[in-house]
Amino acid sequence: MAERIPYDEFSMFHENAAEYGIPFQQPTVSREFVPMGDGRQLSALKWGVGQPQLVFLHGGAQNAHTWDTVALALNVPLLCIDLPGHGHSDSAAPFDSSAAPLQQNAADVARVISALAPNALGVIGMSLGGLTTIALARDFPELVRKMVLVDITPGVNQEKTKQITDFVNGPATFPSFEELLERTIQFNPTRTVESLRRGILHNALQKEDGSWVWRYRRDDAPPLPEVDGAVQRPSTAVLWDAIQHFGKALLFVRGMRSQSVVTDDDEAELRKRASSVRVEHVQEAGHSVQGDTPLELAALLRDFFAL
C-alpha cells in the first residue's frame, strides 16, 4: 500500500511565501460553509479579520487554494470560494436546460457572497470562475461593484481549452502521489515542482487503499444533456451582452504564454463590448496567471482596487 501523506490545508502558507519572497506571518484563515437551501453547501476560505474586501472565483478543476500566494501578497481581508463541485463544496444543482448560461453557478455564488462578503469592492474570476463572475454581474449586479477577468472571455470554446480538458479528462485515479505529480508537471511546464505539489495536496484526496483521486471528480455531478451521444455544452457567447451592459470598472488580465485560452480576436471583442476596459498583458503567464505570476497579479489588483 502507498505511503499515507498527511494533509493540513493551513500548514503550507509559509511555503508559498518563501517561494515568492513574501514576508511571512501566519495568516488568519478559516474554512466556511454556506447552505444553498436545498441540502447542498458551498465552501470558502475567509482570509483575515473583518469583512472581505475582495472575492475570488477559481477556474474549472481548481479550488480556492489556487489564490493562496495572491492572498498572502495582498494581505487584506478577502474571500476565496470553492465553486460547485470543486474543493470542499458540494456538487452543482441538477442541470436546468432552461437556465441562462452559468445562471445556477451564479445563484450559488451569490448566496456565499451575500452571507460572507456583501460589501466586497469587487469580484475576481479566472477561467470558469471568470465566466461565473460575468453571469453573477448579469444576475446579481449589486454584488459585483468591480469585475476582474483573469485570462477568460465569453469567446472561449472547446478548441481553445483542449490542453486543459486533456489534462482534466485524464485518468480517474492514480496509484501513487508521484504518478499524479508527474502527470501534473507534464501539463504545467512553467510552474515549480514545489507549487504543483502543494496544488495537488489541496486538490486531490488519498483514498484508503493509498491511491489518489481529484477533488473535483464527483460521481453525483449533474450530467449535461446529450444529443446523438455527444455532450452539449451551453455556449458562453451570450455572456458578451452581460459584459456590454456591465457599465462599471472592468479589468482584464491576459496571460501571454501559449497556455492562454484567449486570442487576439477575443481581446478585440472585449475592447469593443466594454470600451473603458483596462487590459493588462502578463508576458510570463499562461492561463493560470495566479499560479505563474502571482505577485504581478497581486500588484495589478492592488492598483485597480486602490488597496
C-alpha atoms as a PDB file:
ATOM      1  CA  MET A   1       0.000   0.000   0.000  1.00  0.00           C
ATOM      2  CA  ALA A   2       1.254   3.504  -0.841  1.00  0.00           C
ATOM      3  CA  GLU A   3       2.537   5.709   1.975  1.00  0.00           C
ATOM      4  CA  ARG A   4      -0.077   7.875   3.672  1.00  0.00           C
ATOM      5  CA  ILE A   5       0.644  11.560   3.113  1.00  0.00           C
ATOM      6  CA  PRO A   6      -0.744  13.846   5.847  1.00  0.00           C
ATOM      7  CA  TYR A   7      -2.656  16.946   4.783  1.00  0.00           C
ATOM      8  CA  ASP A   8      -3.378  20.140   6.690  1.00  0.00           C
ATOM      9  CA  GLU A   9      -4.724  22.808   4.366  1.00  0.00           C
ATOM     10  CA  PHE A  10      -3.481  25.647   6.576  1.00  0.00           C
ATOM     11  CA  SER A  11       0.044  24.312   7.080  1.00  0.00           C
ATOM     12  CA  MET A  12       1.694  25.270   3.784  1.00  0.00           C
ATOM     13  CA  PHE A  13       1.280  29.033   3.552  1.00  0.00           C
ATOM     14  CA  HIS A  14       4.890  29.550   4.649  1.00  0.00           C
ATOM     15  CA  GLU A  15       5.984  27.603   1.556  1.00  0.00           C
ATOM     16  CA  ASN A  16       4.004  29.930  -0.736  1.00  0.00           C
ATOM     17  CA  ALA A  17       5.563  32.937   0.973  1.00  0.00           C
ATOM     18  CA  ALA A  18       9.110  31.545   0.829  1.00  0.00           C
ATOM     19  CA  GLU A  19       8.867  30.674  -2.877  1.00  0.00           C
ATOM     20  CA  TYR A  20       7.962  34.257  -3.785  1.00  0.00           C
ATOM     21  CA  GLY A  21       9.890  36.178  -1.139  1.00  0.00           C
ATOM     22  CA  ILE A  22       6.809  37.412   0.739  1.00  0.00           C
ATOM     23  CA  PRO A  23       7.463  38.377   4.389  1.00  0.00           C
ATOM     24  CA  PHE A  24       5.606  35.720   6.348  1.00  0.00           C
ATOM     25  CA  GLN A  25       3.374  35.833   9.365  1.00  0.00           C
ATOM     26  CA  GLN A  26       0.853  33.008   9.758  1.00  0.00           C
ATOM     27  CA  PRO A  27      -2.383  34.429   8.317  1.00  0.00           C
ATOM     28  CA  THR A  28      -5.809  34.145   9.883  1.00  0.00           C
ATOM     29  CA  VAL A  29      -7.702  31.819   7.516  1.00  0.00           C
ATOM     30  CA  SER A  30     -10.903  29.895   8.208  1.00  0.00           C
ATOM     31  CA  ARG A  31     -12.899  27.319   6.266  1.00  0.00           C
ATOM     32  CA  GLU A  32     -16.512  28.497   5.940  1.00  0.00           C
ATOM     33  CA  PHE A  33     -19.656  26.705   4.739  1.00  0.00           C
ATOM     34  CA  VAL A  34     -22.839  28.351   3.419  1.00  0.00           C
ATOM     35  CA  PRO A  35     -26.088  26.382   2.898  1.00  0.00           C
ATOM     36  CA  MET A  36     -27.698  26.620  -0.538  1.00  0.00           C
ATOM     37  CA  GLY A  37     -31.198  25.951   0.752  1.00  0.00           C
ATOM     38  CA  ASP A  38     -31.539  22.583  -0.983  1.00  0.00           C
ATOM     39  CA  GLY A  39     -29.357  20.414   1.220  1.00  0.00           C
ATOM     40  CA  ARG A  40     -26.114  21.418  -0.508  1.00  0.00           C
ATOM     41  CA  GLN A  41     -23.342  23.614   0.878  1.00  0.00           C
ATOM     42  CA  LEU A  42     -20.706  25.751  -0.765  1.00  0.00           C
ATOM     43  CA  SER A  43     -17.407  26.314   0.980  1.00  0.00           C
ATOM     44  CA  ALA A  44     -14.927  29.167   1.003  1.00  0.00           C
ATOM     45  CA  LEU A  45     -11.688  30.299   2.581  1.00  0.00           C
ATOM     46  CA  LYS A  46     -12.036  33.526   4.537  1.00  0.00           C
ATOM     47  CA  TRP A  47      -8.724  35.375   4.855  1.00  0.00           C
ATOM     48  CA  GLY A  48      -8.083  37.999   7.508  1.00  0.00           C
ATOM     49  CA  VAL A  49     -10.193  39.705  10.136  1.00  0.00           C
ATOM     50  CA  GLY A  50     -13.201  41.806   9.231  1.00  0.00           C
ATOM     51  CA  GLN A  51     -15.363  41.928   6.139  1.00  0.00           C
ATOM     52  CA  PRO A  52     -13.656  40.655   2.964  1.00  0.00           C
ATOM     53  CA  GLN A  53     -12.684  43.413   0.552  1.00  0.00           C
ATOM     54  CA  LEU A  54     -12.370  41.115  -2.450  1.00  0.00           C
ATOM     55  CA  VAL A  55     -13.977  37.873  -3.683  1.00  0.00           C
ATOM     56  CA  PHE A  56     -12.069  35.338  -5.787  1.00  0.00           C
ATOM     57  CA  LEU A  57     -13.507  32.592  -8.029  1.00  0.00           C
ATOM     58  CA  HIS A  58     -11.139  29.898  -9.327  1.00  0.00           C
ATOM     59  CA  GLY A  59     -11.105  28.083 -12.641  1.00  0.00           C
ATOM     60  CA  GLY A  60     -12.519  24.689 -13.577  1.00  0.00           C
ATOM     61  CA  ALA A  61     -10.835  21.711 -11.854  1.00  0.00           C
ATOM     62  CA  GLN A  62      -9.178  24.101  -9.368  1.00  0.00           C
ATOM     63  CA  ASN A  63     -10.172  25.194  -5.851  1.00  0.00           C
ATOM     64  CA  ALA A  64      -9.959  28.187  -3.521  1.00  0.00           C
ATOM     65  CA  HIS A  65      -6.314  27.494  -2.616  1.00  0.00           C
ATOM     66  CA  THR A  66      -5.211  28.488  -6.130  1.00  0.00           C
ATOM     67  CA  TRP A  67      -5.258  32.080  -4.806  1.00  0.00           C
ATOM     68  CA  ASP A  68      -3.090  31.452  -1.707  1.00  0.00           C
ATOM     69  CA  THR A  69       0.024  33.288  -2.908  1.00  0.00           C
ATOM     70  CA  VAL A  70      -2.037  36.197  -4.250  1.00  0.00           C
ATOM     71  CA  ALA A  71      -3.838  36.415  -0.902  1.00  0.00           C
ATOM     72  CA  LEU A  72      -0.553  36.431   1.006  1.00  0.00           C
ATOM     73  CA  ALA A  73       0.839  39.154  -1.250  1.00  0.00           C
ATOM     74  CA  LEU A  74      -2.265  41.353  -0.903  1.00  0.00           C
ATOM     75  CA  ASN A  75      -2.562  40.884   2.884  1.00  0.00           C
ATOM     76  CA  VAL A  76      -6.123  42.242   3.088  1.00  0.00           C
ATOM     77  CA  PRO A  77      -9.336  40.515   4.199  1.00  0.00           C
ATOM     78  CA  LEU A  78     -10.713  38.521   1.264  1.00  0.00           C
ATOM     79  CA  LEU A  79     -12.856  35.527   0.355  1.00  0.00           C
ATOM     80  CA  CYS A  80     -11.916  32.652  -1.973  1.00  0.00           C
ATOM     81  CA  ILE A  81     -14.894  30.477  -2.908  1.00  0.00           C
ATOM     82  CA  ASP A  82     -14.895  26.824  -3.964  1.00  0.00           C
ATOM     83  CA  LEU A  83     -17.213  26.642  -6.985  1.00  0.00           C
ATOM     84  CA  PRO A  84     -19.942  23.956  -7.011  1.00  0.00           C
ATOM     85  CA  GLY A  85     -18.392  20.520  -7.467  1.00  0.00           C
ATOM     86  CA  HIS A  86     -14.916  21.758  -6.547  1.00  0.00           C
ATOM     87  CA  GLY A  87     -12.767  21.794  -3.446  1.00  0.00           C
ATOM     88  CA  HIS A  88     -14.862  21.381  -0.303  1.00  0.00           C
ATOM     89  CA  SER A  89     -18.132  22.476  -1.936  1.00  0.00           C
ATOM     90  CA  ASP A  90     -20.947  20.093  -2.742  1.00  0.00           C
ATOM     91  CA  SER A  91     -21.846  19.338  -6.339  1.00  0.00           C
ATOM     92  CA  ALA A  92     -23.830  21.670  -8.539  1.00  0.00           C
ATOM     93  CA  ALA A  93     -27.622  21.566  -8.581  1.00  0.00           C
ATOM     94  CA  PRO A  94     -29.271  19.326 -11.215  1.00  0.00           C
ATOM     95  CA  PHE A  95     -28.794  20.766 -14.687  1.00  0.00           C
ATOM     96  CA  ASP A  96     -31.606  23.055 -15.806  1.00  0.00           C
ATOM     97  CA  SER A  97     -31.772  23.378 -19.589  1.00  0.00           C
ATOM     98  CA  SER A  98     -33.991  26.458 -19.283  1.00  0.00           C
ATOM     99  CA  ALA A  99     -31.425  28.389 -17.238  1.00  0.00           C
ATOM    100  CA  ALA A 100     -29.222  31.038 -18.820  1.00  0.00           C
ATOM    101  CA  PRO A 101     -25.526  30.103 -19.145  1.00  0.00           C
ATOM    102  CA  LEU A 102     -23.961  29.712 -15.690  1.00  0.00           C
ATOM    103  CA  GLN A 103     -27.123  31.024 -14.033  1.00  0.00           C
ATOM    104  CA  GLN A 104     -27.055  28.209 -11.469  1.00  0.00           C
ATOM    105  CA  ASN A 105     -23.391  28.754 -10.620  1.00  0.00           C
ATOM    106  CA  ALA A 106     -24.037  32.471 -10.228  1.00  0.00           C
ATOM    107  CA  ALA A 107     -27.011  31.881  -7.919  1.00  0.00           C
ATOM    108  CA  ASP A 108     -24.950  29.600  -5.668  1.00  0.00           C
ATOM    109  CA  VAL A 109     -22.027  32.007  -5.543  1.00  0.00           C
ATOM    110  CA  ALA A 110     -24.388  34.912  -4.826  1.00  0.00           C
ATOM    111  CA  ARG A 111     -25.575  33.133  -1.675  1.00  0.00           C
ATOM    112  CA  VAL A 112     -21.998  32.815  -0.460  1.00  0.00           C
ATOM    113  CA  ILE A 113     -21.092  36.435  -1.210  1.00  0.00           C
ATOM    114  CA  SER A 114     -24.304  37.711   0.400  1.00  0.00           C
ATOM    115  CA  ALA A 115     -23.530  35.716   3.540  1.00  0.00           C
ATOM    116  CA  LEU A 116     -19.776  36.305   3.850  1.00  0.00           C
ATOM    117  CA  ALA A 117     -18.717  39.304   1.720  1.00  0.00           C
ATOM    118  CA  PRO A 118     -21.734  41.502   0.926  1.00  0.00           C
ATOM    119  CA  ASN A 119     -19.694  44.713   0.815  1.00  0.00           C
ATOM    120  CA  ALA A 120     -16.736  43.477  -1.237  1.00  0.00           C
ATOM    121  CA  LEU A 121     -15.129  46.016  -3.554  1.00  0.00           C
ATOM    122  CA  GLY A 122     -15.221  43.564  -6.459  1.00  0.00           C
ATOM    123  CA  VAL A 123     -15.075  40.019  -7.764  1.00  0.00           C
ATOM    124  CA  ILE A 124     -12.050  38.435  -9.439  1.00  0.00           C
ATOM    125  CA  GLY A 125     -12.724  35.379 -11.600  1.00  0.00           C
ATOM    126  CA  MET A 126     -10.345  33.172 -13.562  1.00  0.00           C
ATOM    127  CA  SER A 127     -11.474  30.828 -16.386  1.00  0.00           C
ATOM    128  CA  LEU A 128     -14.734  29.142 -15.263  1.00  0.00           C
ATOM    129  CA  GLY A 129     -14.695  31.497 -12.296  1.00  0.00           C
ATOM    130  CA  GLY A 130     -14.449  34.428 -14.698  1.00  0.00           C
ATOM    131  CA  LEU A 131     -17.430  33.256 -16.718  1.00  0.00           C
ATOM    132  CA  THR A 132     -19.310  32.752 -13.445  1.00  0.00           C
ATOM    133  CA  THR A 133     -18.353  36.312 -12.465  1.00  0.00           C
ATOM    134  CA  ILE A 134     -19.868  37.656 -15.678  1.00  0.00           C
ATOM    135  CA  ALA A 135     -23.082  35.710 -15.011  1.00  0.00           C
ATOM    136  CA  LEU A 136     -23.046  36.983 -11.415  1.00  0.00           C
ATOM    137  CA  ALA A 137     -22.781  40.569 -12.660  1.00  0.00           C
ATOM    138  CA  ARG A 138     -25.695  39.889 -15.019  1.00  0.00           C
ATOM    139  CA  ASP A 139     -27.984  38.286 -12.416  1.00  0.00           C
ATOM    140  CA  PHE A 140     -26.840  39.949  -9.168  1.00  0.00           C
ATOM    141  CA  PRO A 141     -25.309  43.282 -10.231  1.00  0.00           C
ATOM    142  CA  GLU A 142     -25.413  44.667  -6.694  1.00  0.00           C
ATOM    143  CA  LEU A 143     -22.788  42.099  -5.649  1.00  0.00           C
ATOM    144  CA  VAL A 144     -20.255  42.986  -8.364  1.00  0.00           C
ATOM    145  CA  ARG A 145     -19.070  46.543  -7.858  1.00  0.00           C
ATOM    146  CA  LYS A 146     -15.949  45.984  -9.960  1.00  0.00           C
ATOM    147  CA  MET A 147     -15.028  42.985 -12.089  1.00  0.00           C
ATOM    148  CA  VAL A 148     -11.691  41.362 -12.904  1.00  0.00           C
ATOM    149  CA  LEU A 149     -11.457  38.668 -15.573  1.00  0.00           C
ATOM    150  CA  VAL A 150      -8.286  36.583 -15.489  1.00  0.00           C
ATOM    151  CA  ASP A 151      -7.451  35.055 -18.895  1.00  0.00           C
ATOM    152  CA  ILE A 152     -11.033  34.408 -19.963  1.00  0.00           C
ATOM    153  CA  THR A 153     -13.682  35.909 -22.236  1.00  0.00           C
ATOM    154  CA  PRO A 154     -17.055  34.630 -23.465  1.00  0.00           C
ATOM    155  CA  GLY A 155     -15.233  33.720 -26.688  1.00  0.00           C
ATOM    156  CA  VAL A 156     -13.742  30.621 -25.078  1.00  0.00           C
ATOM    157  CA  ASN A 157     -14.559  27.281 -26.714  1.00  0.00           C
ATOM    158  CA  GLN A 158     -13.534  23.619 -26.588  1.00  0.00           C
ATOM    159  CA  GLU A 159     -10.784  24.085 -29.165  1.00  0.00           C
ATOM    160  CA  LYS A 160      -9.119  26.846 -27.129  1.00  0.00           C
ATOM    161  CA  THR A 161      -9.285  24.833 -23.919  1.00  0.00           C
ATOM    162  CA  LYS A 162      -8.173  21.495 -25.395  1.00  0.00           C
ATOM    163  CA  GLN A 163      -4.890  21.363 -23.477  1.00  0.00           C
ATOM    164  CA  ILE A 164      -6.745  21.948 -20.216  1.00  0.00           C
ATOM    165  CA  THR A 165      -9.528  19.457 -20.897  1.00  0.00           C
ATOM    166  CA  ASP A 166      -6.985  16.840 -21.979  1.00  0.00           C
ATOM    167  CA  PHE A 167      -5.447  17.135 -18.521  1.00  0.00           C
ATOM    168  CA  VAL A 168      -8.752  17.215 -16.641  1.00  0.00           C
ATOM    169  CA  ASN A 169     -10.130  14.246 -18.575  1.00  0.00           C
ATOM    170  CA  GLY A 170      -7.083  12.103 -17.812  1.00  0.00           C
ATOM    171  CA  PRO A 171      -7.005   9.057 -15.530  1.00  0.00           C
ATOM    172  CA  ALA A 172      -9.669   8.974 -12.831  1.00  0.00           C
ATOM    173  CA  THR A 173      -7.310   7.512 -10.235  1.00  0.00           C
ATOM    174  CA  PHE A 174      -3.558   7.374  -9.650  1.00  0.00           C
ATOM    175  CA  PRO A 175      -1.795   4.562  -7.779  1.00  0.00           C
ATOM    176  CA  SER A 176       0.622   6.961  -6.102  1.00  0.00           C
ATOM    177  CA  PHE A 177       1.221  10.633  -5.402  1.00  0.00           C
ATOM    178  CA  GLU A 178       4.392  10.506  -7.515  1.00  0.00           C
ATOM    179  CA  GLU A 179       2.441   9.428 -10.625  1.00  0.00           C
ATOM    180  CA  LEU A 180      -0.104  12.171 -10.090  1.00  0.00           C
ATOM    181  CA  LEU A 181       2.661  14.737  -9.647  1.00  0.00           C
ATOM    182  CA  GLU A 182       4.486  13.519 -12.769  1.00  0.00           C
ATOM    183  CA  ARG A 183       1.389  13.964 -14.937  1.00  0.00           C
ATOM    184  CA  THR A 184       0.734  17.397 -13.449  1.00  0.00           C
ATOM    185  CA  ILE A 185       4.301  18.509 -14.196  1.00  0.00           C
ATOM    186  CA  GLN A 186       3.928  17.408 -17.830  1.00  0.00           C
ATOM    187  CA  PHE A 187       0.912  19.668 -18.309  1.00  0.00           C
ATOM    188  CA  ASN A 188       2.307  22.622 -16.313  1.00  0.00           C
ATOM    189  CA  PRO A 189       5.858  23.189 -17.611  1.00  0.00           C
ATOM    190  CA  THR A 190       6.093  26.788 -16.358  1.00  0.00           C
ATOM    191  CA  ARG A 191       5.339  26.006 -12.712  1.00  0.00           C
ATOM    192  CA  THR A 192       7.768  24.923  -9.993  1.00  0.00           C
ATOM    193  CA  VAL A 193       7.536  21.377  -8.690  1.00  0.00           C
ATOM    194  CA  GLU A 194       7.011  22.731  -5.165  1.00  0.00           C
ATOM    195  CA  SER A 195       3.979  24.781  -6.185  1.00  0.00           C
ATOM    196  CA  LEU A 196       2.493  21.858  -8.116  1.00  0.00           C
ATOM    197  CA  ARG A 197       2.986  19.566  -5.133  1.00  0.00           C
ATOM    198  CA  ARG A 198       1.085  21.996  -2.905  1.00  0.00           C
ATOM    199  CA  GLY A 199      -1.611  22.341  -5.531  1.00  0.00           C
ATOM    200  CA  ILE A 200      -2.141  18.593  -5.710  1.00  0.00           C
ATOM    201  CA  LEU A 201      -2.387  18.242  -1.938  1.00  0.00           C
ATOM    202  CA  HIS A 202      -5.102  20.913  -1.957  1.00  0.00           C
ATOM    203  CA  ASN A 203      -6.886  19.487  -4.985  1.00  0.00           C
ATOM    204  CA  ALA A 204      -6.699  15.697  -4.559  1.00  0.00           C
ATOM    205  CA  LEU A 205      -7.710  13.096  -1.984  1.00  0.00           C
ATOM    206  CA  GLN A 206      -5.836   9.999  -0.903  1.00  0.00           C
ATOM    207  CA  LYS A 207      -8.157   7.002  -0.599  1.00  0.00           C
ATOM    208  CA  GLU A 208      -7.967   4.234   1.979  1.00  0.00           C
ATOM    209  CA  ASP A 209      -6.032   1.983  -0.404  1.00  0.00           C
ATOM    210  CA  GLY A 210      -3.377   4.688  -0.870  1.00  0.00           C
ATOM    211  CA  SER A 211      -4.449   5.746  -4.381  1.00  0.00           C
ATOM    212  CA  TRP A 212      -5.362   9.329  -5.299  1.00  0.00           C
ATOM    213  CA  VAL A 213      -8.395  10.986  -6.935  1.00  0.00           C
ATOM    214  CA  TRP A 214      -9.066  14.604  -7.807  1.00  0.00           C
ATOM    215  CA  ARG A 215     -11.421  16.508  -5.512  1.00  0.00           C
ATOM    216  CA  TYR A 216     -13.338  17.845  -8.494  1.00  0.00           C
ATOM    217  CA  ARG A 217     -14.319  14.389  -9.728  1.00  0.00           C
ATOM    218  CA  ARG A 218     -17.813  13.930  -8.302  1.00  0.00           C
ATOM    219  CA  ASP A 219     -19.790  10.802  -9.099  1.00  0.00           C
ATOM    220  CA  ASP A 220     -23.015  12.648  -8.302  1.00  0.00           C
ATOM    221  CA  ALA A 221     -22.283  15.650 -10.522  1.00  0.00           C
ATOM    222  CA  PRO A 222     -25.312  16.532 -12.660  1.00  0.00           C
ATOM    223  CA  PRO A 223     -24.821  15.307 -16.228  1.00  0.00           C
ATOM    224  CA  LEU A 224     -25.023  17.653 -19.179  1.00  0.00           C
ATOM    225  CA  PRO A 225     -27.573  16.866 -21.886  1.00  0.00           C
ATOM    226  CA  GLU A 226     -26.509  14.745 -24.857  1.00  0.00           C
ATOM    227  CA  VAL A 227     -27.584  14.820 -28.499  1.00  0.00           C
ATOM    228  CA  ASP A 228     -26.708  11.770 -30.606  1.00  0.00           C
ATOM    229  CA  GLY A 229     -24.282  10.683 -27.916  1.00  0.00           C
ATOM    230  CA  ALA A 230     -22.397  13.993 -27.824  1.00  0.00           C
ATOM    231  CA  VAL A 231     -22.389  16.161 -24.701  1.00  0.00           C
ATOM    232  CA  GLN A 232     -23.963  19.541 -25.374  1.00  0.00           C
ATOM    233  CA  ARG A 233     -22.162  22.309 -23.528  1.00  0.00           C
ATOM    234  CA  PRO A 234     -24.096  25.588 -23.321  1.00  0.00           C
ATOM    235  CA  SER A 235     -22.486  28.343 -25.348  1.00  0.00           C
ATOM    236  CA  THR A 236     -20.969  31.162 -23.337  1.00  0.00           C
ATOM    237  CA  ALA A 237     -21.115  33.617 -26.250  1.00  0.00           C
ATOM    238  CA  VAL A 238     -24.303  35.217 -24.920  1.00  0.00           C
ATOM    239  CA  LEU A 239     -22.273  36.464 -21.946  1.00  0.00           C
ATOM    240  CA  TRP A 240     -20.808  39.110 -24.255  1.00  0.00           C
ATOM    241  CA  ASP A 241     -24.058  41.019 -23.762  1.00  0.00           C
ATOM    242  CA  ALA A 242     -23.590  40.916 -19.981  1.00  0.00           C
ATOM    243  CA  ILE A 243     -20.151  42.482 -20.382  1.00  0.00           C
ATOM    244  CA  GLN A 244     -21.533  45.123 -22.706  1.00  0.00           C
ATOM    245  CA  HIS A 245     -24.174  46.097 -20.137  1.00  0.00           C
ATOM    246  CA  PHE A 246     -21.942  45.879 -17.054  1.00  0.00           C
ATOM    247  CA  GLY A 247     -21.200  49.612 -17.025  1.00  0.00           C
ATOM    248  CA  LYS A 248     -18.706  49.508 -14.149  1.00  0.00           C
ATOM    249  CA  ALA A 249     -14.943  49.261 -13.783  1.00  0.00           C
ATOM    250  CA  LEU A 250     -13.561  46.186 -15.537  1.00  0.00           C
ATOM    251  CA  LEU A 251     -10.007  44.837 -15.539  1.00  0.00           C
ATOM    252  CA  PHE A 252      -8.929  42.130 -17.983  1.00  0.00           C
ATOM    253  CA  VAL A 253      -5.672  40.292 -17.224  1.00  0.00           C
ATOM    254  CA  ARG A 254      -4.359  38.151 -20.087  1.00  0.00           C
ATOM    255  CA  GLY A 255      -1.547  35.640 -19.879  1.00  0.00           C
ATOM    256  CA  MET A 256       0.601  35.863 -22.993  1.00  0.00           C
ATOM    257  CA  ARG A 257       2.208  32.413 -22.987  1.00  0.00           C
ATOM    258  CA  SER A 258       0.872  29.672 -25.239  1.00  0.00           C
ATOM    259  CA  GLN A 259      -1.205  28.089 -22.465  1.00  0.00           C
ATOM    260  CA  SER A 260      -3.603  31.050 -22.529  1.00  0.00           C
ATOM    261  CA  VAL A 261      -7.125  30.377 -23.832  1.00  0.00           C
ATOM    262  CA  VAL A 262      -7.598  33.957 -25.071  1.00  0.00           C
ATOM    263  CA  THR A 263      -6.949  35.039 -28.665  1.00  0.00           C
ATOM    264  CA  ASP A 264      -6.338  38.485 -30.123  1.00  0.00           C
ATOM    265  CA  ASP A 265      -9.846  38.343 -31.580  1.00  0.00           C
ATOM    266  CA  ASP A 266     -11.270  37.673 -28.115  1.00  0.00           C
ATOM    267  CA  GLU A 267      -9.439  40.655 -26.696  1.00  0.00           C
ATOM    268  CA  ALA A 268     -10.605  42.864 -29.581  1.00  0.00           C
ATOM    269  CA  GLU A 269     -14.213  41.834 -28.965  1.00  0.00           C
ATOM    270  CA  LEU A 270     -13.825  42.599 -25.272  1.00  0.00           C
ATOM    271  CA  ARG A 271     -12.486  46.060 -26.037  1.00  0.00           C
ATOM    272  CA  LYS A 272     -15.399  46.605 -28.421  1.00  0.00           C
ATOM    273  CA  ARG A 273     -18.017  45.483 -25.891  1.00  0.00           C
ATOM    274  CA  ALA A 274     -16.520  47.378 -22.943  1.00  0.00           C
ATOM    275  CA  SER A 275     -14.794  50.458 -24.283  1.00  0.00           C
ATOM    276  CA  SER A 276     -13.481  51.503 -20.858  1.00  0.00           C
ATOM    277  CA  VAL A 277     -11.974  48.112 -20.007  1.00  0.00           C
ATOM    278  CA  ARG A 278      -8.445  48.166 -18.631  1.00  0.00           C
ATOM    279  CA  VAL A 279      -6.357  45.473 -20.341  1.00  0.00           C
ATOM    280  CA  GLU A 280      -3.132  44.130 -18.847  1.00  0.00           C
ATOM    281  CA  HIS A 281      -0.825  41.626 -20.570  1.00  0.00           C
ATOM    282  CA  VAL A 282       1.330  39.424 -18.336  1.00  0.00           C
ATOM    283  CA  GLN A 283       4.147  38.169 -20.528  1.00  0.00           C
ATOM    284  CA  GLU A 284       5.400  35.340 -18.302  1.00  0.00           C
ATOM    285  CA  ALA A 285       1.973  33.874 -17.509  1.00  0.00           C
ATOM    286  CA  GLY A 286      -0.138  31.289 -19.268  1.00  0.00           C
ATOM    287  CA  HIS A 287      -3.790  30.604 -18.491  1.00  0.00           C
ATOM    288  CA  SER A 288      -3.245  30.368 -14.733  1.00  0.00           C
ATOM    289  CA  VAL A 289      -1.907  33.855 -14.090  1.00  0.00           C
ATOM    290  CA  GLN A 290      -2.328  33.428 -10.335  1.00  0.00           C
ATOM    291  CA  GLY A 291      -0.163  30.316 -10.466  1.00  0.00           C
ATOM    292  CA  ASP A 292       2.506  31.530 -12.905  1.00  0.00           C
ATOM    293  CA  THR A 293       2.939  35.149 -11.773  1.00  0.00           C
ATOM    294  CA  PRO A 294       1.027  35.702  -8.507  1.00  0.00           C
ATOM    295  CA  LEU A 295       2.991  38.771  -7.439  1.00  0.00           C
ATOM    296  CA  GLU A 296       2.324  40.538 -10.734  1.00  0.00           C
ATOM    297  CA  LEU A 297      -1.376  39.746 -10.458  1.00  0.00           C
ATOM    298  CA  ALA A 298      -1.493  40.947  -6.850  1.00  0.00           C
ATOM    299  CA  ALA A 299       0.144  44.232  -7.871  1.00  0.00           C
ATOM    300  CA  LEU A 300      -2.438  44.771 -10.613  1.00  0.00           C
ATOM    301  CA  LEU A 301      -5.281  44.073  -8.200  1.00  0.00           C
ATOM    302  CA  ARG A 302      -3.840  46.360  -5.535  1.00  0.00           C
ATOM    303  CA  ASP A 303      -3.690  49.182  -8.080  1.00  0.00           C
ATOM    304  CA  PHE A 304      -7.111  48.507  -9.621  1.00  0.00           C
ATOM    305  CA  PHE A 305      -8.878  48.412  -6.250  1.00  0.00           C
ATOM    306  CA  ALA A 306      -6.700  51.138  -4.687  1.00  0.00           C
ATOM    307  CA  LEU A 307      -5.813  48.887  -1.754  1.00  0.00           C
END
